[in-house]
């Protein structure tokens, strides 16, 4: 099953991932599984709590992972994503 295109890999980058990037990915995940881009007032507290919890778990996961691979360059990865997107949406 393919990963949601809006959620990007966050592990093993130079410079390392920021807290904001982790939160953004967590927000995308909660949006995807809930089906809400913006929850109603009734669901807002649960939605935001889920984003906070997933961000915290994700940060702990990323901090605990180890690899012998060299860190990926952010600019190179962004260029690859842009090229894949251009290819996918070419007419």
PDB file of N, CA and C in Angstrom:
ATOM      1  N   UNK A   1       0.845  -1.170   0.000  1.00  0.00           N
ATOM      2  CA  UNK A   1       0.000   0.000   0.000  1.00  0.00           C
ATOM      3  C   UNK A   1       0.899   1.244   0.000  1.00  0.00           C
ATOM      4  N   UNK A   2       0.722   2.153  -0.954  1.00  0.00           N
ATOM      5  CA  UNK A   2       1.563   3.343  -1.013  1.00  0.00           C
ATOM      6  C   UNK A   2       1.278   4.296   0.149  1.00  0.00           C
ATOM      7  N   UNK A   3       2.321   5.015   0.531  1.00  0.00           N
ATOM      8  CA  UNK A   3       2.184   6.001   1.600  1.00  0.00           C
ATOM      9  C   UNK A   3       1.521   7.259   1.039  1.00  0.00           C
ATOM     10  N   UNK A   4       0.802   7.945   1.870  1.00  0.00           N
ATOM     11  CA  UNK A   4       0.203   9.215   1.493  1.00  0.00           C
ATOM     12  C   UNK A   4       1.304  10.136   0.959  1.00  0.00           C
ATOM     13  N   UNK A   5       1.089  10.729  -0.191  1.00  0.00           N
ATOM     14  CA  UNK A   5       2.134  11.564  -0.797  1.00  0.00           C
ATOM     15  C   UNK A   5       2.474  12.775   0.046  1.00  0.00           C
ATOM     16  N   UNK A   6       1.556  13.244   0.875  1.00  0.00           N
ATOM     17  CA  UNK A   6       1.814  14.446   1.655  1.00  0.00           C
ATOM     18  C   UNK A   6       2.647  14.187   2.897  1.00  0.00           C
ATOM     19  N   UNK A   7       2.787  12.930   3.285  1.00  0.00           N
ATOM     20  CA  UNK A   7       3.594  12.604   4.456  1.00  0.00           C
ATOM     21  C   UNK A   7       4.966  12.183   3.961  1.00  0.00           C
ATOM     22  N   UNK A   8       5.971  12.940   4.338  1.00  0.00           N
ATOM     23  CA  UNK A   8       7.327  12.707   3.861  1.00  0.00           C
ATOM     24  C   UNK A   8       8.160  11.987   4.917  1.00  0.00           C
ATOM     25  N   UNK A   9       9.137  11.235   4.455  1.00  0.00           N
ATOM     26  CA  UNK A   9      10.083  10.587   5.356  1.00  0.00           C
ATOM     27  C   UNK A   9      10.829  11.667   6.135  1.00  0.00           C
ATOM     28  N   UNK A  10      10.988  11.445   7.425  1.00  0.00           N
ATOM     29  CA  UNK A  10      11.630  12.449   8.286  1.00  0.00           C
ATOM     30  C   UNK A  10      12.940  11.969   8.905  1.00  0.00           C
ATOM     31  N   UNK A  11      13.265  10.702   8.732  1.00  0.00           N
ATOM     32  CA  UNK A  11      14.447  10.135   9.385  1.00  0.00           C
ATOM     33  C   UNK A  11      15.700  10.286   8.535  1.00  0.00           C
ATOM     34  N   UNK A  12      16.799  10.573   9.207  1.00  0.00           N
ATOM     35  CA  UNK A  12      18.146  10.573   8.637  1.00  0.00           C
ATOM     36  C   UNK A  12      18.362  11.678   7.606  1.00  0.00           C
ATOM     37  N   UNK A  13      18.084  12.901   8.004  1.00  0.00           N
ATOM     38  CA  UNK A  13      18.330  14.052   7.144  1.00  0.00           C
ATOM     39  C   UNK A  13      19.362  14.973   7.768  1.00  0.00           C
ATOM     40  N   UNK A  14      20.041  15.695   6.914  1.00  0.00           N
ATOM     41  CA  UNK A  14      20.983  16.709   7.363  1.00  0.00           C
ATOM     42  C   UNK A  14      20.564  18.013   6.706  1.00  0.00           C
ATOM     43  N   UNK A  15      20.172  19.026   7.447  1.00  0.00           N
ATOM     44  CA  UNK A  15      20.035  19.063   8.910  1.00  0.00           C
ATOM     45  C   UNK A  15      18.849  18.215   9.383  1.00  0.00           C
ATOM     46  N   UNK A  16      18.879  17.837  10.658  1.00  0.00           N
ATOM     47  CA  UNK A  16      17.828  16.978  11.202  1.00  0.00           C
ATOM     48  C   UNK A  16      16.444  17.619  11.121  1.00  0.00           C
ATOM     49  N   UNK A  17      15.451  16.776  11.189  1.00  0.00           N
ATOM     50  CA  UNK A  17      14.063  17.205  11.151  1.00  0.00           C
ATOM     51  C   UNK A  17      13.767  18.163  12.312  1.00  0.00           C
ATOM     52  N   UNK A  18      12.848  19.085  12.070  1.00  0.00           N
ATOM     53  CA  UNK A  18      12.461  20.031  13.121  1.00  0.00           C
ATOM     54  C   UNK A  18      11.160  19.572  13.783  1.00  0.00           C
ATOM     55  N   UNK A  19      10.871  20.119  14.943  1.00  0.00           N
ATOM     56  CA  UNK A  19       9.611  19.822  15.627  1.00  0.00           C
ATOM     57  C   UNK A  19       8.420  20.217  14.763  1.00  0.00           C
ATOM     58  N   UNK A  20       8.540  21.304  14.027  1.00  0.00           N
ATOM     59  CA  UNK A  20       7.447  21.753  13.160  1.00  0.00           C
ATOM     60  C   UNK A  20       7.197  20.760  12.033  1.00  0.00           C
ATOM     61  N   UNK A  21       8.252  20.198  11.472  1.00  0.00           N
ATOM     62  CA  UNK A  21       8.081  19.202  10.410  1.00  0.00           C
ATOM     63  C   UNK A  21       7.403  17.935  10.945  1.00  0.00           C
ATOM     64  N   UNK A  22       7.753  17.551  12.153  1.00  0.00           N
ATOM     65  CA  UNK A  22       7.107  16.396  12.776  1.00  0.00           C
ATOM     66  C   UNK A  22       5.632  16.701  13.003  1.00  0.00           C
ATOM     67  N   UNK A  23       5.325  17.877  13.489  1.00  0.00           N
ATOM     68  CA  UNK A  23       3.925  18.259  13.730  1.00  0.00           C
ATOM     69  C   UNK A  23       3.144  18.325  12.418  1.00  0.00           C
ATOM     70  N   UNK A  24       3.756  18.870  11.373  1.00  0.00           N
ATOM     71  CA  UNK A  24       3.084  18.945  10.072  1.00  0.00           C
ATOM     72  C   UNK A  24       2.744  17.549   9.540  1.00  0.00           C
ATOM     73  N   UNK A  25       3.685  16.615   9.666  1.00  0.00           N
ATOM     74  CA  UNK A  25       3.427  15.242   9.224  1.00  0.00           C
ATOM     75  C   UNK A  25       2.335  14.600  10.070  1.00  0.00           C
ATOM     76  N   UNK A  26       2.337  14.889  11.362  1.00  0.00           N
ATOM     77  CA  UNK A  26       1.314  14.343  12.258  1.00  0.00           C
ATOM     78  C   UNK A  26      -0.057  14.893  11.903  1.00  0.00           C
ATOM     79  N   UNK A  27      -0.116  16.166  11.583  1.00  0.00           N
ATOM     80  CA  UNK A  27      -1.375  16.782  11.159  1.00  0.00           C
ATOM     81  C   UNK A  27      -1.886  16.126   9.880  1.00  0.00           C
ATOM     82  N   UNK A  28      -1.000  15.893   8.923  1.00  0.00           N
ATOM     83  CA  UNK A  28      -1.405  15.240   7.673  1.00  0.00           C
ATOM     84  C   UNK A  28      -1.943  13.836   7.943  1.00  0.00           C
ATOM     85  N   UNK A  29      -1.286  13.118   8.865  1.00  0.00           N
ATOM     86  CA  UNK A  29      -1.730  11.768   9.210  1.00  0.00           C
ATOM     87  C   UNK A  29      -3.129  11.795   9.819  1.00  0.00           C
ATOM     88  N   UNK A  30      -3.347  12.690  10.771  1.00  0.00           N
ATOM     89  CA  UNK A  30      -4.656  12.777  11.420  1.00  0.00           C
ATOM     90  C   UNK A  30      -5.720  13.209  10.417  1.00  0.00           C
ATOM     91  N   UNK A  31      -5.388  14.117   9.532  1.00  0.00           N
ATOM     92  CA  UNK A  31      -6.337  14.517   8.487  1.00  0.00           C
ATOM     93  C   UNK A  31      -6.710  13.327   7.617  1.00  0.00           C
ATOM     94  N   UNK A  32      -5.710  12.538   7.248  1.00  0.00           N
ATOM     95  CA  UNK A  32      -5.941  11.395   6.365  1.00  0.00           C
ATOM     96  C   UNK A  32      -6.845  10.364   7.032  1.00  0.00           C
ATOM     97  N   UNK A  33      -6.525   9.985   8.266  1.00  0.00           N
ATOM     98  CA  UNK A  33      -7.301   8.908   8.883  1.00  0.00           C
ATOM     99  C   UNK A  33      -8.671   9.373   9.375  1.00  0.00           C
ATOM    100  N   UNK A  34      -8.808  10.668   9.679  1.00  0.00           N
ATOM    101  CA  UNK A  34     -10.108  11.158  10.157  1.00  0.00           C
ATOM    102  C   UNK A  34     -11.026  11.569   9.005  1.00  0.00           C
ATOM    103  N   UNK A  35     -10.422  11.933   7.891  1.00  0.00           N
ATOM    104  CA  UNK A  35     -11.218  12.427   6.771  1.00  0.00           C
ATOM    105  C   UNK A  35     -11.555  13.902   6.884  1.00  0.00           C
ATOM    106  N   UNK A  36     -11.023  14.571   7.900  1.00  0.00           N
ATOM    107  CA  UNK A  36     -11.274  16.009   8.098  1.00  0.00           C
ATOM    108  C   UNK A  36     -10.028  16.803   7.728  1.00  0.00           C
ATOM    109  N   UNK A  37     -10.191  17.865   6.952  1.00  0.00           N
ATOM    110  CA  UNK A  37      -9.072  18.791   6.788  1.00  0.00           C
ATOM    111  C   UNK A  37      -9.120  19.822   7.905  1.00  0.00           C
ATOM    112  N   UNK A  38     -10.340  20.141   8.319  1.00  0.00           N
ATOM    113  CA  UNK A  38     -10.540  21.027   9.463  1.00  0.00           C
ATOM    114  C   UNK A  38     -11.748  20.480  10.212  1.00  0.00           C
ATOM    115  N   UNK A  39     -11.527  20.027  11.454  1.00  0.00           N
ATOM    116  CA  UNK A  39     -12.633  19.420  12.195  1.00  0.00           C
ATOM    117  C   UNK A  39     -13.656  20.457  12.654  1.00  0.00           C
ATOM    118  N   UNK A  40     -14.852  19.985  12.947  1.00  0.00           N
ATOM    119  CA  UNK A  40     -15.884  20.853  13.519  1.00  0.00           C
ATOM    120  C   UNK A  40     -15.465  21.235  14.938  1.00  0.00           C
ATOM    121  N   UNK A  41     -16.120  22.224  15.493  1.00  0.00           N
ATOM    122  CA  UNK A  41     -15.826  22.633  16.876  1.00  0.00           C
ATOM    123  C   UNK A  41     -15.992  21.460  17.835  1.00  0.00           C
ATOM    124  N   UNK A  42     -16.981  20.616  17.565  1.00  0.00           N
ATOM    125  CA  UNK A  42     -17.245  19.458  18.415  1.00  0.00           C
ATOM    126  C   UNK A  42     -16.061  18.493  18.421  1.00  0.00           C
ATOM    127  N   UNK A  43     -15.410  18.322  17.279  1.00  0.00           N
ATOM    128  CA  UNK A  43     -14.313  17.363  17.145  1.00  0.00           C
ATOM    129  C   UNK A  43     -12.926  17.982  17.267  1.00  0.00           C
ATOM    130  N   UNK A  44     -12.861  19.293  17.383  1.00  0.00           N
ATOM    131  CA  UNK A  44     -11.567  19.983  17.356  1.00  0.00           C
ATOM    132  C   UNK A  44     -10.627  19.539  18.474  1.00  0.00           C
ATOM    133  N   UNK A  45     -11.107  19.411  19.691  1.00  0.00           N
ATOM    134  CA  UNK A  45     -10.241  19.028  20.811  1.00  0.00           C
ATOM    135  C   UNK A  45      -9.647  17.635  20.601  1.00  0.00           C
ATOM    136  N   UNK A  46     -10.475  16.689  20.174  1.00  0.00           N
ATOM    137  CA  UNK A  46      -9.991  15.330  19.930  1.00  0.00           C
ATOM    138  C   UNK A  46      -8.990  15.311  18.775  1.00  0.00           C
ATOM    139  N   UNK A  47      -9.276  16.078  17.735  1.00  0.00           N
ATOM    140  CA  UNK A  47      -8.409  16.168  16.563  1.00  0.00           C
ATOM    141  C   UNK A  47      -7.029  16.710  16.959  1.00  0.00           C
ATOM    142  N   UNK A  48      -7.021  17.829  17.668  1.00  0.00           N
ATOM    143  CA  UNK A  48      -5.749  18.449  18.069  1.00  0.00           C
ATOM    144  C   UNK A  48      -4.991  17.591  19.079  1.00  0.00           C
ATOM    145  N   UNK A  49      -5.707  16.904  19.968  1.00  0.00           N
ATOM    146  CA  UNK A  49      -5.049  16.000  20.918  1.00  0.00           C
ATOM    147  C   UNK A  49      -4.364  14.861  20.168  1.00  0.00           C
ATOM    148  N   UNK A  50      -5.026  14.348  19.136  1.00  0.00           N
ATOM    149  CA  UNK A  50      -4.430  13.280  18.334  1.00  0.00           C
ATOM    150  C   UNK A  50      -3.167  13.771  17.629  1.00  0.00           C
ATOM    151  N   UNK A  51      -3.212  14.968  17.077  1.00  0.00           N
ATOM    152  CA  UNK A  51      -2.027  15.536  16.420  1.00  0.00           C
ATOM    153  C   UNK A  51      -0.878  15.644  17.427  1.00  0.00           C
ATOM    154  N   UNK A  52      -1.155  16.157  18.627  1.00  0.00           N
ATOM    155  CA  UNK A  52      -0.120  16.288  19.657  1.00  0.00           C
ATOM    156  C   UNK A  52       0.468  14.937  20.048  1.00  0.00           C
ATOM    157  N   UNK A  53      -0.400  13.947  20.247  1.00  0.00           N
ATOM    158  CA  UNK A  53       0.068  12.621  20.662  1.00  0.00           C
ATOM    159  C   UNK A  53       0.900  11.960  19.570  1.00  0.00           C
ATOM    160  N   UNK A  54       0.459  12.055  18.338  1.00  0.00           N
ATOM    161  CA  UNK A  54       1.204  11.451  17.233  1.00  0.00           C
ATOM    162  C   UNK A  54       2.536  12.164  17.033  1.00  0.00           C
ATOM    163  N   UNK A  55       2.559  13.472  17.188  1.00  0.00           N
ATOM    164  CA  UNK A  55       3.819  14.216  17.073  1.00  0.00           C
ATOM    165  C   UNK A  55       4.796  13.786  18.161  1.00  0.00           C
ATOM    166  N   UNK A  56       4.322  13.606  19.373  1.00  0.00           N
ATOM    167  CA  UNK A  56       5.199  13.188  20.477  1.00  0.00           C
ATOM    168  C   UNK A  56       5.755  11.784  20.236  1.00  0.00           C
ATOM    169  N   UNK A  57       4.900  10.872  19.828  1.00  0.00           N
ATOM    170  CA  UNK A  57       5.343   9.499  19.548  1.00  0.00           C
ATOM    171  C   UNK A  57       6.333   9.495  18.379  1.00  0.00           C
ATOM    172  N   UNK A  58       6.045  10.277  17.360  1.00  0.00           N
ATOM    173  CA  UNK A  58       6.928  10.346  16.194  1.00  0.00           C
ATOM    174  C   UNK A  58       8.297  10.905  16.564  1.00  0.00           C
ATOM    175  N   UNK A  59       8.316  11.938  17.387  1.00  0.00           N
ATOM    176  CA  UNK A  59       9.591  12.518  17.822  1.00  0.00           C
ATOM    177  C   UNK A  59      10.409  11.494  18.599  1.00  0.00           C
ATOM    178  N   UNK A  60       9.748  10.742  19.488  1.00  0.00           N
ATOM    179  CA  UNK A  60      10.460   9.690  20.239  1.00  0.00           C
ATOM    180  C   UNK A  60      10.989   8.607  19.305  1.00  0.00           C
ATOM    181  N   UNK A  61      10.181   8.221  18.347  1.00  0.00           N
ATOM    182  CA  UNK A  61      10.626   7.216  17.379  1.00  0.00           C
ATOM    183  C   UNK A  61      11.857   7.700  16.618  1.00  0.00           C
ATOM    184  N   UNK A  62      11.776   8.893  16.060  1.00  0.00           N
ATOM    185  CA  UNK A  62      12.900   9.420  15.282  1.00  0.00           C
ATOM    186  C   UNK A  62      14.165   9.547  16.115  1.00  0.00           C
ATOM    187  N   UNK A  63      14.018   9.925  17.385  1.00  0.00           N
ATOM    188  CA  UNK A  63      15.178  10.062  18.269  1.00  0.00           C
ATOM    189  C   UNK A  63      15.799   8.708  18.609  1.00  0.00           C
ATOM    190  N   UNK A  64      15.003   7.654  18.569  1.00  0.00           N
ATOM    191  CA  UNK A  64      15.515   6.339  18.962  1.00  0.00           C
ATOM    192  C   UNK A  64      16.074   5.535  17.791  1.00  0.00           C
ATOM    193  N   UNK A  65      15.786   5.933  16.567  1.00  0.00           N
ATOM    194  CA  UNK A  65      16.259   5.184  15.403  1.00  0.00           C
ATOM    195  C   UNK A  65      17.748   5.385  15.184  1.00  0.00           C
ATOM    196  N   UNK A  66      18.396   4.353  14.668  1.00  0.00           N
ATOM    197  CA  UNK A  66      19.823   4.408  14.354  1.00  0.00           C
ATOM    198  C   UNK A  66      20.030   3.893  12.944  1.00  0.00           C
ATOM    199  N   UNK A  67      21.059   4.395  12.287  1.00  0.00           N
ATOM    200  CA  UNK A  67      21.407   3.916  10.954  1.00  0.00           C
ATOM    201  C   UNK A  67      22.890   4.129  10.713  1.00  0.00           C
ATOM    202  N   UNK A  68      23.449   3.304   9.846  1.00  0.00           N
ATOM    203  CA  UNK A  68      24.844   3.498   9.445  1.00  0.00           C
ATOM    204  C   UNK A  68      24.913   4.235   8.111  1.00  0.00           C
ATOM    205  N   UNK A  69      23.752   4.504   7.516  1.00  0.00           N
ATOM    206  CA  UNK A  69      23.697   5.229   6.245  1.00  0.00           C
ATOM    207  C   UNK A  69      24.015   6.705   6.461  1.00  0.00           C
ATOM    208  N   UNK A  70      24.579   7.299   5.450  1.00  0.00           N
ATOM    209  CA  UNK A  70      24.856   8.733   5.503  1.00  0.00           C
ATOM    210  C   UNK A  70      23.539   9.499   5.487  1.00  0.00           C
ATOM    211  N   UNK A  71      23.495  10.643   6.167  1.00  0.00           N
ATOM    212  CA  UNK A  71      22.263  11.446   6.145  1.00  0.00           C
ATOM    213  C   UNK A  71      21.925  11.897   4.728  1.00  0.00           C
ATOM    214  N   UNK A  72      20.628  11.958   4.434  1.00  0.00           N
ATOM    215  CA  UNK A  72      20.168  12.422   3.123  1.00  0.00           C
ATOM    216  C   UNK A  72      20.188  13.946   3.098  1.00  0.00           C
ATOM    217  N   UNK A  73      20.495  14.478   1.941  1.00  0.00           N
ATOM    218  CA  UNK A  73      20.520  15.924   1.740  1.00  0.00           C
ATOM    219  C   UNK A  73      19.107  16.409   1.448  1.00  0.00           C
ATOM    220  N   UNK A  74      18.639  17.375   2.209  1.00  0.00           N
ATOM    221  CA  UNK A  74      17.269  17.879   2.047  1.00  0.00           C
ATOM    222  C   UNK A  74      17.011  18.445   0.652  1.00  0.00           C
ATOM    223  N   UNK A  75      17.982  19.198   0.136  1.00  0.00           N
ATOM    224  CA  UNK A  75      17.789  19.818  -1.173  1.00  0.00           C
ATOM    225  C   UNK A  75      17.703  18.765  -2.279  1.00  0.00           C
ATOM    226  N   UNK A  76      18.539  17.727  -2.200  1.00  0.00           N
ATOM    227  CA  UNK A  76      18.496  16.664  -3.206  1.00  0.00           C
ATOM    228  C   UNK A  76      17.164  15.916  -3.145  1.00  0.00           C
ATOM    229  N   UNK A  77      16.704  15.619  -1.949  1.00  0.00           N
ATOM    230  CA  UNK A  77      15.427  14.915  -1.796  1.00  0.00           C
ATOM    231  C   UNK A  77      14.268  15.768  -2.291  1.00  0.00           C
ATOM    232  N   UNK A  78      14.312  17.060  -2.030  1.00  0.00           N
ATOM    233  CA  UNK A  78      13.254  17.961  -2.512  1.00  0.00           C
ATOM    234  C   UNK A  78      13.253  18.003  -4.037  1.00  0.00           C
ATOM    235  N   UNK A  79      14.436  18.024  -4.642  1.00  0.00           N
ATOM    236  CA  UNK A  79      14.527  18.034  -6.104  1.00  0.00           C
ATOM    237  C   UNK A  79      13.960  16.734  -6.683  1.00  0.00           C
ATOM    238  N   UNK A  80      14.248  15.600  -6.029  1.00  0.00           N
ATOM    239  CA  UNK A  80      13.698  14.311  -6.485  1.00  0.00           C
ATOM    240  C   UNK A  80      12.169  14.307  -6.399  1.00  0.00           C
ATOM    241  N   UNK A  81      11.641  14.819  -5.276  1.00  0.00           N
ATOM    242  CA  UNK A  81      10.175  14.874  -5.122  1.00  0.00           C
ATOM    243  C   UNK A  81       9.551  15.751  -6.208  1.00  0.00           C
ATOM    244  N   UNK A  82      10.194  16.878  -6.486  1.00  0.00           N
ATOM    245  CA  UNK A  82       9.671  17.800  -7.496  1.00  0.00           C
ATOM    246  C   UNK A  82       9.694  17.150  -8.881  1.00  0.00           C
ATOM    247  N   UNK A  83      10.766  16.430  -9.184  1.00  0.00           N
ATOM    248  CA  UNK A  83      10.867  15.757 -10.480  1.00  0.00           C
ATOM    249  C   UNK A  83       9.813  14.656 -10.604  1.00  0.00           C
ATOM    250  N   UNK A  84       9.598  13.883  -9.547  1.00  0.00           N
ATOM    251  CA  UNK A  84       8.568  12.826  -9.565  1.00  0.00           C
ATOM    252  C   UNK A  84       7.183  13.443  -9.754  1.00  0.00           C
ATOM    253  N   UNK A  85       6.940  14.557  -9.091  1.00  0.00           N
ATOM    254  CA  UNK A  85       5.653  15.216  -9.209  1.00  0.00           C
ATOM    255  C   UNK A  85       5.449  15.737 -10.635  1.00  0.00           C
ATOM    256  N   UNK A  86       6.470  16.350 -11.201  1.00  0.00           N
ATOM    257  CA  UNK A  86       6.367  16.866 -12.567  1.00  0.00           C
ATOM    258  C   UNK A  86       6.092  15.734 -13.547  1.00  0.00           C
ATOM    259  N   UNK A  87       6.753  14.604 -13.340  1.00  0.00           N
ATOM    260  CA  UNK A  87       6.548  13.442 -14.219  1.00  0.00           C
ATOM    261  C   UNK A  87       5.132  12.894 -14.064  1.00  0.00           C
ATOM    262  N   UNK A  88       4.666  12.818 -12.832  1.00  0.00           N
ATOM    263  CA  UNK A  88       3.339  12.258 -12.548  1.00  0.00           C
ATOM    264  C   UNK A  88       2.228  13.128 -13.134  1.00  0.00           C
ATOM    265  N   UNK A  89       2.410  14.454 -13.094  1.00  0.00           N
ATOM    266  CA  UNK A  89       1.347  15.355 -13.534  1.00  0.00           C
ATOM    267  C   UNK A  89       1.583  15.953 -14.916  1.00  0.00           C
ATOM    268  N   UNK A  90       2.581  15.427 -15.640  1.00  0.00           N
ATOM    269  CA  UNK A  90       2.841  15.912 -17.000  1.00  0.00           C
ATOM    270  C   UNK A  90       1.665  15.545 -17.891  1.00  0.00           C
ATOM    271  N   UNK A  91       1.358  16.433 -18.823  1.00  0.00           N
ATOM    272  CA  UNK A  91       0.207  16.117 -19.684  1.00  0.00           C
ATOM    273  C   UNK A  91       0.635  15.557 -21.001  1.00  0.00           C
TER     274      UNK A  91
END
